[in-house]
Amino acid sequence: MSDFSQFTGQIIALLVGAAPYLKLALSHLKSATKDAVDAAAQEAGTQTGGIIVEKASKLFGALRNWFQKDENTKGQKILDLVEADPADEDQLNALAKQIQATLAKHPEWANEIRPLLQDDASQEIIAKNKSQVEKITMTLTGAGQQRINADESVVKDVKMNIKRS
């Protein structure tokens, strides 16, 4: 039997970090569309807030599915309470216990959540103060972002590639 306490801690940490955005994300989750999540992200107002909204929404959806599949009514009720007040530490602790119990029974379900806990890769070139950037190749495997930010600088011969894993 695996110990999922560290993994559960990562899940709860994501929820705690998302608390300011969570109600917003969850209000849009009920429609379960990308447009709804994008609307919540836009309302959150920052790129980081948007990423948190998206991850928290997907995380809540996965947890709700777990508890329904497992017929865990207690887990579902606690999830509802966390949804109502995402900053309630007592409910977050109770949720952590339910997650650990569920993972003890179904360790394979952890594979659904792991990608949500990983940060997307990022590559960025910043050219400032009339600098010159030439002959750059950026290659990224998996999810992530590539950006070039330049003022009056010269940026040429740049190849950007994202390989989906």
Protein backbone atom coordinates (compact mmCIF):
# COMPACT_ATOMS: atom_id res chain seq x y z
CA MET A 1 0.00 0.00 0.00
CA SER A 2 1.43 3.36 -1.06
CA ASP A 3 1.61 6.37 1.21
CA PHE A 4 -0.16 9.19 -0.60
CA SER A 5 0.28 11.80 2.13
CA GLN A 6 2.80 13.88 0.15
CA PHE A 7 0.69 13.61 -3.00
CA THR A 8 -2.43 14.60 -1.06
CA GLY A 9 -0.49 17.51 0.43
CA GLN A 10 0.26 18.73 -3.11
CA ILE A 11 -3.44 18.55 -3.98
CA ILE A 12 -4.44 20.51 -0.89
CA ALA A 13 -1.63 23.04 -1.51
CA LEU A 14 -3.02 23.67 -4.99
CA LEU A 15 -6.49 24.19 -3.53
CA VAL A 16 -5.16 26.56 -0.84
CA GLY A 17 -3.25 28.53 -3.47
CA ALA A 18 -6.38 28.64 -5.60
CA ALA A 19 -8.69 29.72 -2.75
CA PRO A 20 -9.03 33.34 -3.96
CA TYR A 21 -10.09 32.09 -7.38
CA LEU A 22 -11.78 28.83 -6.43
CA LYS A 23 -15.35 30.00 -5.97
CA LEU A 24 -15.12 31.72 -9.32
CA ALA A 25 -13.68 28.63 -10.99
CA LEU A 26 -16.24 26.31 -9.45
CA SER A 27 -19.17 28.53 -10.41
CA HIS A 28 -18.04 28.13 -14.01
CA LEU A 29 -17.21 24.42 -13.63
CA LYS A 30 -20.86 23.44 -13.49
CA SER A 31 -21.16 24.18 -17.21
CA ALA A 32 -17.93 22.15 -17.71
CA THR A 33 -16.89 23.88 -20.92
CA LYS A 34 -13.57 25.38 -21.89
CA ASP A 35 -15.36 28.68 -22.53
CA ALA A 36 -16.63 28.69 -18.94
CA VAL A 37 -13.16 28.02 -17.53
CA ASP A 38 -11.72 30.69 -19.85
CA ALA A 39 -14.35 33.15 -18.57
CA ALA A 40 -13.33 32.39 -14.98
CA ALA A 41 -9.68 32.81 -15.89
CA GLN A 42 -10.41 36.15 -17.53
CA GLU A 43 -12.34 37.29 -14.46
CA ALA A 44 -9.42 36.22 -12.26
CA GLY A 45 -7.47 38.83 -14.16
CA THR A 46 -3.97 37.40 -14.33
CA GLN A 47 -2.23 34.68 -16.27
CA THR A 48 -1.27 32.96 -13.01
CA GLY A 49 -4.83 33.28 -11.74
CA GLY A 50 -6.05 31.79 -15.00
CA ILE A 51 -3.74 28.80 -14.71
CA ILE A 52 -4.84 28.24 -11.12
CA VAL A 53 -8.51 28.51 -12.11
CA GLU A 54 -8.04 25.94 -14.84
CA LYS A 55 -6.09 23.51 -12.65
CA ALA A 56 -8.45 23.89 -9.70
CA SER A 57 -11.48 23.36 -11.93
CA LYS A 58 -10.02 20.19 -13.40
CA LEU A 59 -8.93 19.01 -9.96
CA PHE A 60 -12.38 19.49 -8.49
CA GLY A 61 -13.94 17.70 -11.44
CA ALA A 62 -11.59 14.73 -11.02
CA LEU A 63 -12.19 14.54 -7.25
CA ARG A 64 -15.95 14.72 -7.72
CA ASN A 65 -15.74 11.90 -10.28
CA TRP A 66 -13.63 9.80 -7.90
CA PHE A 67 -16.08 10.20 -5.05
CA GLN A 68 -19.06 9.43 -7.28
CA LYS A 69 -17.42 6.33 -8.80
CA ASP A 70 -16.48 5.14 -5.31
CA GLU A 71 -19.97 5.99 -3.97
CA ASN A 72 -18.23 8.05 -1.29
CA THR A 73 -21.06 10.29 -0.10
CA LYS A 74 -18.96 11.65 2.76
CA GLY A 75 -16.24 12.72 0.31
CA GLN A 76 -18.87 14.34 -1.92
CA LYS A 77 -20.33 16.27 1.02
CA ILE A 78 -16.91 17.48 2.14
CA LEU A 79 -16.13 18.52 -1.42
CA ASP A 80 -19.37 20.52 -1.44
CA LEU A 81 -18.33 22.22 1.82
CA VAL A 82 -14.90 23.08 0.41
CA GLU A 83 -16.62 24.43 -2.68
CA ALA A 84 -18.76 26.68 -0.47
CA ASP A 85 -15.76 27.89 1.56
CA PRO A 86 -12.42 26.99 -0.05
CA ALA A 87 -10.42 28.65 2.74
CA ASP A 88 -11.93 26.51 5.55
CA GLU A 89 -8.91 24.63 6.94
CA ASP A 90 -11.03 22.07 8.80
CA GLN A 91 -12.82 21.09 5.60
CA LEU A 92 -9.55 21.02 3.66
CA ASN A 93 -8.10 18.65 6.28
CA ALA A 94 -11.22 16.47 6.06
CA LEU A 95 -10.92 16.51 2.27
CA ALA A 96 -7.27 15.43 2.52
CA LYS A 97 -8.34 12.41 4.60
CA GLN A 98 -10.98 11.48 2.03
CA ILE A 99 -8.48 11.80 -0.80
CA GLN A 100 -5.97 9.59 1.02
CA ALA A 101 -8.62 6.96 1.76
CA THR A 102 -9.76 6.96 -1.86
CA LEU A 103 -6.20 6.68 -3.18
CA ALA A 104 -5.50 3.81 -0.77
CA LYS A 105 -8.37 1.91 -2.43
CA HIS A 106 -7.67 3.10 -5.99
CA PRO A 107 -3.99 4.07 -6.33
CA GLU A 108 -4.29 4.14 -10.13
CA TRP A 109 -6.49 7.23 -9.86
CA ALA A 110 -3.43 9.25 -8.87
CA ASN A 111 -2.42 9.18 -12.55
CA GLU A 112 -5.42 11.40 -13.36
CA ILE A 113 -4.25 14.09 -10.95
CA ARG A 114 -0.45 14.06 -11.39
CA PRO A 115 -0.47 16.17 -14.58
CA LEU A 116 -2.52 18.86 -12.81
CA LEU A 117 0.10 19.21 -10.09
CA GLN A 118 2.99 19.71 -12.49
CA ASP A 119 3.89 23.16 -13.69
CA ASP A 120 3.92 23.66 -17.42
CA ALA A 121 7.31 24.37 -18.94
CA SER A 122 8.10 27.89 -20.04
CA GLN A 123 10.66 29.35 -22.40
CA GLU A 124 11.08 33.07 -22.82
CA ILE A 125 13.42 35.43 -24.61
CA ILE A 126 13.50 39.04 -23.44
CA ALA A 127 15.22 41.56 -25.67
CA LYS A 128 15.48 45.10 -24.29
CA ASN A 129 17.28 48.36 -24.92
CA LYS A 130 17.83 47.96 -28.66
CA SER A 131 19.61 44.63 -28.24
CA GLN A 132 19.95 42.03 -30.98
CA VAL A 133 18.87 38.36 -30.77
CA GLU A 134 19.61 36.01 -33.67
CA LYS A 135 19.61 32.32 -34.55
CA ILE A 136 17.66 30.91 -31.64
CA THR A 137 15.94 27.53 -31.57
CA MET A 138 13.47 26.89 -28.76
CA THR A 139 12.14 23.34 -28.40
CA LEU A 140 9.73 22.27 -25.71
CA THR A 141 8.25 18.81 -25.16
CA GLY A 142 4.84 18.53 -23.53
CA ALA A 143 2.64 21.33 -22.28
CA GLY A 144 4.05 24.79 -21.96
CA GLN A 145 4.51 28.24 -23.37
CA GLN A 146 7.11 29.96 -25.49
CA ARG A 147 7.34 33.75 -25.60
CA ILE A 148 9.47 36.48 -27.06
CA ASN A 149 9.22 39.94 -25.51
CA ALA A 150 11.06 42.70 -27.29
CA ASP A 151 11.01 46.48 -27.27
CA GLU A 152 12.88 48.24 -30.07
CA SER A 153 15.33 45.34 -30.23
CA VAL A 154 16.07 43.21 -33.27
CA VAL A 155 14.89 39.60 -33.09
CA LYS A 156 15.45 37.41 -36.15
CA ASP A 157 15.87 33.82 -37.24
CA VAL A 158 13.98 32.33 -34.29
CA LYS A 159 12.51 28.84 -34.48
CA MET A 160 9.95 27.85 -31.85
CA ASN A 161 8.75 24.27 -31.51
CA ILE A 162 6.38 22.60 -29.06
CA LYS A 163 6.29 18.82 -29.30
CA ARG A 164 3.21 17.34 -27.67
CA SER A 165 4.06 14.28 -25.63
